[in-house]
Amino acid sequence: MLSTSYIFLAYFAIIIFVFGILCKVWKYAVIPNPLKIPLTPAPTNTIGVILRMVFEVAFFKSLFKSNKFTWLGGCAFHLALLVVLASHIRFFVSPVPEPIMLLQTFLQSISMFIGLLFIAPLVYLFIRRVWVDRTRFVSIFADYFVLILLFLIGLSGITMKYLIRPDLFAVKTFILGLISFSPEPIPTNPIFITHFTLILILLIYFPFSKLMHGCGIFFSPTRNQIDNPREKRLINPWDKRII
């Protein structure tokens, strides 16, 4: 009964996650930009816009200019998240490609560091929201909820790694069963069940949260517009009239 419930919940979460993101991206894409509002100093050609987006997405350039400590916490968390996701690839493929095996061997040697690098910035960002007056003033429950959720995911992952280890073969069998639509019983390790449940909650919550900034930044007119109002007139889509 437990396995059946989690299998249903897993497929439900994946469907909500995928279709939720697709719907949000579609909404971002079709909303017109009535004004030319690139944040200055802005690029004056397409190459410049591409470079600007690369620096924003990869290095959080605007956040660096705004607040160095928040930039450091954000960079540390996103880097750790990228490494954690890479270290989980082996559970989703069989056989595991040689490059993934080599990567996994390296990550095993720094796994504790990566785990701390994942949760420490979350603690810092949470304290910042509580401690800094102007940040606390604009924070809502959702801001705290996602930080706590990510922290619990990281903490349960570290607990599985160093304290209460699950049967990794059973874990991989379960995940591959979900991917191949041949569900297998969920491992009974309580920490794995907790970790897996928290991840499913995150997947369901993701499309409706501020975490969508990872997709939304590509549609931000202050970032993706070319600063060429003199060379090319912008026609407001909302001002078009059918004659």
C-alpha atoms as a PDB file:
ATOM      1  CA  MET A   1       0.000   0.000   0.000  1.00  0.00           C
ATOM      2  CA  LEU A   2       2.853   2.370   0.869  1.00  0.00           C
ATOM      3  CA  SER A   3       4.636   1.657  -2.420  1.00  0.00           C
ATOM      4  CA  THR A   4       1.449   2.174  -4.435  1.00  0.00           C
ATOM      5  CA  SER A   5       0.804   5.528  -2.769  1.00  0.00           C
ATOM      6  CA  TYR A   6       4.329   6.773  -3.400  1.00  0.00           C
ATOM      7  CA  ILE A   7       4.336   5.581  -6.996  1.00  0.00           C
ATOM      8  CA  PHE A   8       1.110   7.478  -7.644  1.00  0.00           C
ATOM      9  CA  LEU A   9       2.466  10.551  -5.842  1.00  0.00           C
ATOM     10  CA  ALA A  10       5.727  10.402  -7.802  1.00  0.00           C
ATOM     11  CA  TYR A  11       3.985  10.361 -11.190  1.00  0.00           C
ATOM     12  CA  PHE A  12       1.588  13.066 -10.039  1.00  0.00           C
ATOM     13  CA  ALA A  13       4.489  15.286  -8.915  1.00  0.00           C
ATOM     14  CA  ILE A  14       6.390  14.790 -12.175  1.00  0.00           C
ATOM     15  CA  ILE A  15       3.311  15.656 -14.249  1.00  0.00           C
ATOM     16  CA  ILE A  16       2.671  18.813 -12.205  1.00  0.00           C
ATOM     17  CA  PHE A  17       6.351  19.766 -12.422  1.00  0.00           C
ATOM     18  CA  VAL A  18       6.699  19.316 -16.188  1.00  0.00           C
ATOM     19  CA  PHE A  19       3.363  20.740 -17.303  1.00  0.00           C
ATOM     20  CA  GLY A  20       3.507  23.491 -14.695  1.00  0.00           C
ATOM     21  CA  ILE A  21       6.857  24.706 -15.999  1.00  0.00           C
ATOM     22  CA  LEU A  22       5.726  24.435 -19.637  1.00  0.00           C
ATOM     23  CA  CYS A  23       2.595  26.470 -18.909  1.00  0.00           C
ATOM     24  CA  LYS A  24       4.557  29.137 -17.051  1.00  0.00           C
ATOM     25  CA  VAL A  25       7.179  29.378 -19.821  1.00  0.00           C
ATOM     26  CA  TRP A  26       4.416  29.650 -22.426  1.00  0.00           C
ATOM     27  CA  LYS A  27       2.823  32.436 -20.387  1.00  0.00           C
ATOM     28  CA  TYR A  28       6.160  34.257 -20.147  1.00  0.00           C
ATOM     29  CA  ALA A  29       6.701  33.893 -23.888  1.00  0.00           C
ATOM     30  CA  VAL A  30       3.330  35.240 -25.069  1.00  0.00           C
ATOM     31  CA  ILE A  31       3.069  38.248 -22.748  1.00  0.00           C
ATOM     32  CA  PRO A  32       3.932  41.299 -24.901  1.00  0.00           C
ATOM     33  CA  ASN A  33       6.573  43.869 -24.008  1.00  0.00           C
ATOM     34  CA  PRO A  34       4.829  47.234 -24.423  1.00  0.00           C
ATOM     35  CA  LEU A  35       7.888  49.310 -23.561  1.00  0.00           C
ATOM     36  CA  LYS A  36      11.575  49.392 -24.358  1.00  0.00           C
ATOM     37  CA  ILE A  37      12.970  49.050 -20.816  1.00  0.00           C
ATOM     38  CA  PRO A  38      16.436  47.454 -20.852  1.00  0.00           C
ATOM     39  CA  LEU A  39      18.324  48.121 -17.636  1.00  0.00           C
ATOM     40  CA  THR A  40      21.106  50.555 -18.478  1.00  0.00           C
ATOM     41  CA  PRO A  41      23.918  50.405 -19.308  1.00  0.00           C
ATOM     42  CA  ALA A  42      22.425  47.980 -21.816  1.00  0.00           C
ATOM     43  CA  PRO A  43      23.845  46.233 -24.894  1.00  0.00           C
ATOM     44  CA  THR A  44      23.057  47.729 -28.285  1.00  0.00           C
ATOM     45  CA  ASN A  45      23.155  44.489 -30.309  1.00  0.00           C
ATOM     46  CA  THR A  46      22.158  40.815 -30.094  1.00  0.00           C
ATOM     47  CA  ILE A  47      25.652  39.589 -29.207  1.00  0.00           C
ATOM     48  CA  GLY A  48      25.708  41.992 -26.301  1.00  0.00           C
ATOM     49  CA  VAL A  49      22.360  40.699 -25.033  1.00  0.00           C
ATOM     50  CA  ILE A  50      23.592  37.106 -25.221  1.00  0.00           C
ATOM     51  CA  LEU A  51      26.732  37.960 -23.267  1.00  0.00           C
ATOM     52  CA  ARG A  52      24.679  39.865 -20.732  1.00  0.00           C
ATOM     53  CA  MET A  53      22.380  36.866 -20.180  1.00  0.00           C
ATOM     54  CA  VAL A  54      25.363  34.533 -19.844  1.00  0.00           C
ATOM     55  CA  PHE A  55      26.873  36.684 -17.101  1.00  0.00           C
ATOM     56  CA  GLU A  56      23.504  37.021 -15.365  1.00  0.00           C
ATOM     57  CA  VAL A  57      22.673  33.315 -15.439  1.00  0.00           C
ATOM     58  CA  ALA A  58      26.139  31.902 -14.808  1.00  0.00           C
ATOM     59  CA  PHE A  59      27.653  34.520 -12.504  1.00  0.00           C
ATOM     60  CA  PHE A  60      24.702  36.552 -11.099  1.00  0.00           C
ATOM     61  CA  LYS A  61      26.311  39.793 -12.236  1.00  0.00           C
ATOM     62  CA  SER A  62      23.544  42.153 -11.095  1.00  0.00           C
ATOM     63  CA  LEU A  63      23.362  40.479  -7.679  1.00  0.00           C
ATOM     64  CA  PHE A  64      27.127  40.879  -7.326  1.00  0.00           C
ATOM     65  CA  LYS A  65      26.776  44.621  -7.897  1.00  0.00           C
ATOM     66  CA  SER A  66      23.871  44.810  -5.467  1.00  0.00           C
ATOM     67  CA  ASN A  67      25.040  42.767  -2.456  1.00  0.00           C
ATOM     68  CA  LYS A  68      28.317  40.888  -2.270  1.00  0.00           C
ATOM     69  CA  PHE A  69      27.345  38.683   0.699  1.00  0.00           C
ATOM     70  CA  THR A  70      24.034  37.629  -0.824  1.00  0.00           C
ATOM     71  CA  TRP A  71      25.848  36.986  -4.103  1.00  0.00           C
ATOM     72  CA  LEU A  72      28.343  34.742  -2.308  1.00  0.00           C
ATOM     73  CA  GLY A  73      25.580  32.754  -0.606  1.00  0.00           C
ATOM     74  CA  GLY A  74      23.609  32.415  -3.837  1.00  0.00           C
ATOM     75  CA  CYS A  75      26.639  31.311  -5.842  1.00  0.00           C
ATOM     76  CA  ALA A  76      27.654  28.752  -3.221  1.00  0.00           C
ATOM     77  CA  PHE A  77      24.159  27.265  -3.087  1.00  0.00           C
ATOM     78  CA  HIS A  78      23.683  27.058  -6.857  1.00  0.00           C
ATOM     79  CA  LEU A  79      27.134  25.550  -7.356  1.00  0.00           C
ATOM     80  CA  ALA A  80      26.457  22.940  -4.684  1.00  0.00           C
ATOM     81  CA  LEU A  81      23.034  22.222  -6.195  1.00  0.00           C
ATOM     82  CA  LEU A  82      24.611  21.643  -9.604  1.00  0.00           C
ATOM     83  CA  VAL A  83      27.132  19.219  -8.132  1.00  0.00           C
ATOM     84  CA  VAL A  84      24.474  17.398  -6.100  1.00  0.00           C
ATOM     85  CA  LEU A  85      22.298  16.937  -9.191  1.00  0.00           C
ATOM     86  CA  ALA A  86      25.314  15.648 -11.129  1.00  0.00           C
ATOM     87  CA  SER A  87      26.095  13.156  -8.362  1.00  0.00           C
ATOM     88  CA  HIS A  88      22.550  11.744  -8.596  1.00  0.00           C
ATOM     89  CA  ILE A  89      22.719  10.960 -12.322  1.00  0.00           C
ATOM     90  CA  ARG A  90      23.936   7.435 -11.617  1.00  0.00           C
ATOM     91  CA  PHE A  91      20.561   6.548 -10.089  1.00  0.00           C
ATOM     92  CA  PHE A  92      18.739   7.375 -13.325  1.00  0.00           C
ATOM     93  CA  VAL A  93      20.825   5.481 -15.899  1.00  0.00           C
ATOM     94  CA  SER A  94      21.881   1.873 -16.298  1.00  0.00           C
ATOM     95  CA  PRO A  95      24.571   1.060 -17.167  1.00  0.00           C
ATOM     96  CA  VAL A  96      26.325   4.146 -15.858  1.00  0.00           C
ATOM     97  CA  PRO A  97      28.503   5.796 -18.569  1.00  0.00           C
ATOM     98  CA  GLU A  98      32.229   5.911 -17.893  1.00  0.00           C
ATOM     99  CA  PRO A  99      32.374   9.748 -17.638  1.00  0.00           C
ATOM    100  CA  ILE A 100      29.657   9.632 -14.975  1.00  0.00           C
ATOM    101  CA  MET A 101      31.591   6.962 -13.083  1.00  0.00           C
ATOM    102  CA  LEU A 102      34.734   9.108 -13.126  1.00  0.00           C
ATOM    103  CA  LEU A 103      32.742  12.140 -12.004  1.00  0.00           C
ATOM    104  CA  GLN A 104      31.152  10.111  -9.226  1.00  0.00           C
ATOM    105  CA  THR A 105      34.548   8.944  -7.965  1.00  0.00           C
ATOM    106  CA  PHE A 106      35.693  12.547  -7.694  1.00  0.00           C
ATOM    107  CA  LEU A 107      32.478  13.728  -6.039  1.00  0.00           C
ATOM    108  CA  GLN A 108      32.696  10.979  -3.436  1.00  0.00           C
ATOM    109  CA  SER A 109      35.945  12.503  -2.199  1.00  0.00           C
ATOM    110  CA  ILE A 110      34.341  15.897  -1.568  1.00  0.00           C
ATOM    111  CA  SER A 111      30.784  14.800  -0.769  1.00  0.00           C
ATOM    112  CA  MET A 112      30.824  16.106   2.819  1.00  0.00           C
ATOM    113  CA  PHE A 113      32.102  19.492   1.658  1.00  0.00           C
ATOM    114  CA  ILE A 114      29.414  19.673  -1.027  1.00  0.00           C
ATOM    115  CA  GLY A 115      26.726  18.726   1.481  1.00  0.00           C
ATOM    116  CA  LEU A 116      27.757  21.528   3.822  1.00  0.00           C
ATOM    117  CA  LEU A 117      28.093  23.900   0.880  1.00  0.00           C
ATOM    118  CA  PHE A 118      24.472  23.061   0.012  1.00  0.00           C
ATOM    119  CA  ILE A 119      22.894  23.697   3.422  1.00  0.00           C
ATOM    120  CA  ALA A 120      25.143  26.467   4.817  1.00  0.00           C
ATOM    121  CA  PRO A 121      24.004  29.115   2.283  1.00  0.00           C
ATOM    122  CA  LEU A 122      20.377  28.178   3.007  1.00  0.00           C
ATOM    123  CA  VAL A 123      20.960  28.846   6.710  1.00  0.00           C
ATOM    124  CA  TYR A 124      22.628  32.155   5.845  1.00  0.00           C
ATOM    125  CA  LEU A 125      19.814  33.223   3.501  1.00  0.00           C
ATOM    126  CA  PHE A 126      17.209  32.280   6.120  1.00  0.00           C
ATOM    127  CA  ILE A 127      18.985  34.277   8.840  1.00  0.00           C
ATOM    128  CA  ARG A 128      19.310  37.187   6.423  1.00  0.00           C
ATOM    129  CA  ARG A 129      15.556  37.213   5.844  1.00  0.00           C
ATOM    130  CA  VAL A 130      14.907  37.212   9.575  1.00  0.00           C
ATOM    131  CA  TRP A 131      17.688  39.568  10.622  1.00  0.00           C
ATOM    132  CA  VAL A 132      17.799  42.298   7.939  1.00  0.00           C
ATOM    133  CA  ASP A 133      14.883  44.688   8.431  1.00  0.00           C
ATOM    134  CA  ARG A 134      14.213  45.598   4.815  1.00  0.00           C
ATOM    135  CA  THR A 135      14.470  41.957   3.710  1.00  0.00           C
ATOM    136  CA  ARG A 136      12.174  40.769   6.502  1.00  0.00           C
ATOM    137  CA  PHE A 137       9.651  43.465   5.574  1.00  0.00           C
ATOM    138  CA  VAL A 138       9.221  42.160   2.002  1.00  0.00           C
ATOM    139  CA  SER A 139       9.447  38.452   2.916  1.00  0.00           C
ATOM    140  CA  ILE A 140       6.351  36.267   2.960  1.00  0.00           C
ATOM    141  CA  PHE A 141       5.689  32.718   4.153  1.00  0.00           C
ATOM    142  CA  ALA A 142       6.618  31.259   0.742  1.00  0.00           C
ATOM    143  CA  ASP A 143      10.136  32.724   1.015  1.00  0.00           C
ATOM    144  CA  TYR A 144      10.768  30.937   4.307  1.00  0.00           C
ATOM    145  CA  PHE A 145       8.993  27.758   3.223  1.00  0.00           C
ATOM    146  CA  VAL A 146      11.225  27.086   0.223  1.00  0.00           C
ATOM    147  CA  LEU A 147      14.407  27.718   2.239  1.00  0.00           C
ATOM    148  CA  ILE A 148      13.275  25.309   4.955  1.00  0.00           C
ATOM    149  CA  LEU A 149      12.201  22.722   2.370  1.00  0.00           C
ATOM    150  CA  LEU A 150      15.555  22.819   0.582  1.00  0.00           C
ATOM    151  CA  PHE A 151      17.381  22.685   3.916  1.00  0.00           C
ATOM    152  CA  LEU A 152      15.458  19.571   4.981  1.00  0.00           C
ATOM    153  CA  ILE A 153      16.181  17.922   1.622  1.00  0.00           C
ATOM    154  CA  GLY A 154      19.886  18.586   2.064  1.00  0.00           C
ATOM    155  CA  LEU A 155      19.884  17.505   5.707  1.00  0.00           C
ATOM    156  CA  SER A 156      18.089  14.228   4.959  1.00  0.00           C
ATOM    157  CA  GLY A 157      20.522  13.579   2.113  1.00  0.00           C
ATOM    158  CA  ILE A 158      23.528  14.062   4.403  1.00  0.00           C
ATOM    159  CA  THR A 159      21.880  11.836   7.011  1.00  0.00           C
ATOM    160  CA  MET A 160      21.514   9.054   4.432  1.00  0.00           C
ATOM    161  CA  LYS A 161      25.105   9.489   3.354  1.00  0.00           C
ATOM    162  CA  TYR A 162      26.758   9.338   6.760  1.00  0.00           C
ATOM    163  CA  LEU A 163      24.314   8.047   9.401  1.00  0.00           C
ATOM    164  CA  ILE A 164      21.412   5.904   8.193  1.00  0.00           C
ATOM    165  CA  ARG A 165      22.434   4.519   4.822  1.00  0.00           C
ATOM    166  CA  PRO A 166      19.722   2.999   2.631  1.00  0.00           C
ATOM    167  CA  ASP A 167      20.175   0.068   0.292  1.00  0.00           C
ATOM    168  CA  LEU A 168      21.466   1.929  -2.776  1.00  0.00           C
ATOM    169  CA  PHE A 169      20.672  -1.010  -5.041  1.00  0.00           C
ATOM    170  CA  ALA A 170      17.033  -0.911  -3.882  1.00  0.00           C
ATOM    171  CA  VAL A 171      16.972   2.871  -4.344  1.00  0.00           C
ATOM    172  CA  LYS A 172      18.253   2.647  -7.904  1.00  0.00           C
ATOM    173  CA  THR A 173      15.886  -0.226  -8.712  1.00  0.00           C
ATOM    174  CA  PHE A 174      12.970   1.862  -7.455  1.00  0.00           C
ATOM    175  CA  ILE A 175      13.959   4.956  -9.463  1.00  0.00           C
ATOM    176  CA  LEU A 176      14.664   3.017 -12.667  1.00  0.00           C
ATOM    177  CA  GLY A 177      11.310   1.304 -12.218  1.00  0.00           C
ATOM    178  CA  LEU A 178       9.579   4.679 -12.132  1.00  0.00           C
ATOM    179  CA  ILE A 179      11.427   5.834 -15.239  1.00  0.00           C
ATOM    180  CA  SER A 180      10.629   2.663 -17.200  1.00  0.00           C
ATOM    181  CA  PHE A 181       6.992   2.602 -15.978  1.00  0.00           C
ATOM    182  CA  SER A 182       7.669  -0.715 -14.269  1.00  0.00           C
ATOM    183  CA  PRO A 183       7.311   0.365 -10.639  1.00  0.00           C
ATOM    184  CA  GLU A 184       9.214  -1.478  -7.941  1.00  0.00           C
ATOM    185  CA  PRO A 185       8.572  -1.351  -4.166  1.00  0.00           C
ATOM    186  CA  ILE A 186       9.921   1.753  -2.483  1.00  0.00           C
ATOM    187  CA  PRO A 187      12.861   1.132  -0.096  1.00  0.00           C
ATOM    188  CA  THR A 188      11.697   1.042   3.494  1.00  0.00           C
ATOM    189  CA  ASN A 189      14.521   3.175   4.859  1.00  0.00           C
ATOM    190  CA  PRO A 190      12.687   5.978   6.756  1.00  0.00           C
ATOM    191  CA  ILE A 191      15.236   8.663   5.872  1.00  0.00           C
ATOM    192  CA  PHE A 192      15.020   7.798   2.177  1.00  0.00           C
ATOM    193  CA  ILE A 193      11.215   7.957   2.338  1.00  0.00           C
ATOM    194  CA  THR A 194      11.488  11.355   4.033  1.00  0.00           C
ATOM    195  CA  HIS A 195      14.032  12.579   1.476  1.00  0.00           C
ATOM    196  CA  PHE A 196      11.946  11.307  -1.438  1.00  0.00           C
ATOM    197  CA  THR A 197       8.750  12.854  -0.035  1.00  0.00           C
ATOM    198  CA  LEU A 198      10.405  16.249   0.379  1.00  0.00           C
ATOM    199  CA  ILE A 199      11.652  16.118  -3.218  1.00  0.00           C
ATOM    200  CA  LEU A 200       8.145  15.325  -4.474  1.00  0.00           C
ATOM    201  CA  ILE A 201       6.787  18.279  -2.504  1.00  0.00           C
ATOM    202  CA  LEU A 202       9.448  20.470  -4.115  1.00  0.00           C
ATOM    203  CA  LEU A 203       8.527  19.235  -7.609  1.00  0.00           C
ATOM    204  CA  ILE A 204       4.852  20.011  -7.029  1.00  0.00           C
ATOM    205  CA  TYR A 205       5.599  23.403  -5.518  1.00  0.00           C
ATOM    206  CA  PHE A 206       8.255  24.465  -8.042  1.00  0.00           C
ATOM    207  CA  PRO A 207       6.044  25.762 -10.910  1.00  0.00           C
ATOM    208  CA  PHE A 208       4.012  27.924  -8.510  1.00  0.00           C
ATOM    209  CA  SER A 209       6.952  29.421  -6.624  1.00  0.00           C
ATOM    210  CA  LYS A 210       9.643  32.030  -6.998  1.00  0.00           C
ATOM    211  CA  LEU A 211      11.965  29.199  -7.989  1.00  0.00           C
ATOM    212  CA  MET A 212      10.653  29.814 -11.508  1.00  0.00           C
ATOM    213  CA  HIS A 213      13.089  32.711 -11.666  1.00  0.00           C
ATOM    214  CA  GLY A 214      15.476  30.208 -13.231  1.00  0.00           C
ATOM    215  CA  CYS A 215      13.250  30.192 -16.317  1.00  0.00           C
ATOM    216  CA  GLY A 216      11.751  33.644 -16.011  1.00  0.00           C
ATOM    217  CA  ILE A 217      15.064  35.492 -16.206  1.00  0.00           C
ATOM    218  CA  PHE A 218      15.324  34.619 -19.898  1.00  0.00           C
ATOM    219  CA  PHE A 219      12.059  36.514 -20.519  1.00  0.00           C
ATOM    220  CA  SER A 220      12.891  39.588 -18.432  1.00  0.00           C
ATOM    221  CA  PRO A 221      12.635  42.670 -20.706  1.00  0.00           C
ATOM    222  CA  THR A 222      15.100  44.560 -18.520  1.00  0.00           C
ATOM    223  CA  ARG A 223      17.694  41.915 -19.419  1.00  0.00           C
ATOM    224  CA  ASN A 224      16.828  40.561 -22.876  1.00  0.00           C
ATOM    225  CA  GLN A 225      16.033  43.762 -24.751  1.00  0.00           C
ATOM    226  CA  ILE A 226      18.461  45.555 -27.038  1.00  0.00           C
ATOM    227  CA  ASP A 227      18.963  49.227 -26.227  1.00  0.00           C
ATOM    228  CA  ASN A 228      18.145  50.592 -29.692  1.00  0.00           C
ATOM    229  CA  PRO A 229      15.034  52.808 -29.370  1.00  0.00           C
ATOM    230  CA  ARG A 230      16.454  55.385 -31.791  1.00  0.00           C
ATOM    231  CA  GLU A 231      17.362  52.840 -34.465  1.00  0.00           C
ATOM    232  CA  LYS A 232      14.204  50.704 -34.241  1.00  0.00           C
ATOM    233  CA  ARG A 233      10.843  51.913 -33.054  1.00  0.00           C
ATOM    234  CA  LEU A 234       9.016  49.602 -30.644  1.00  0.00           C
ATOM    235  CA  ILE A 235       5.333  49.231 -31.488  1.00  0.00           C
ATOM    236  CA  ASN A 236       3.257  48.550 -28.395  1.00  0.00           C
ATOM    237  CA  PRO A 237       1.317  45.313 -29.109  1.00  0.00           C
ATOM    238  CA  TRP A 238      -1.524  46.563 -26.902  1.00  0.00           C
ATOM    239  CA  ASP A 239      -1.936  49.677 -29.090  1.00  0.00           C
ATOM    240  CA  LYS A 240      -2.608  47.765 -32.290  1.00  0.00           C
ATOM    241  CA  ARG A 241      -6.055  48.389 -33.736  1.00  0.00           C
ATOM    242  CA  ILE A 242      -7.981  46.385 -36.278  1.00  0.00           C
ATOM    243  CA  ILE A 243      -8.971  48.712 -39.118  1.00  0.00           C
END
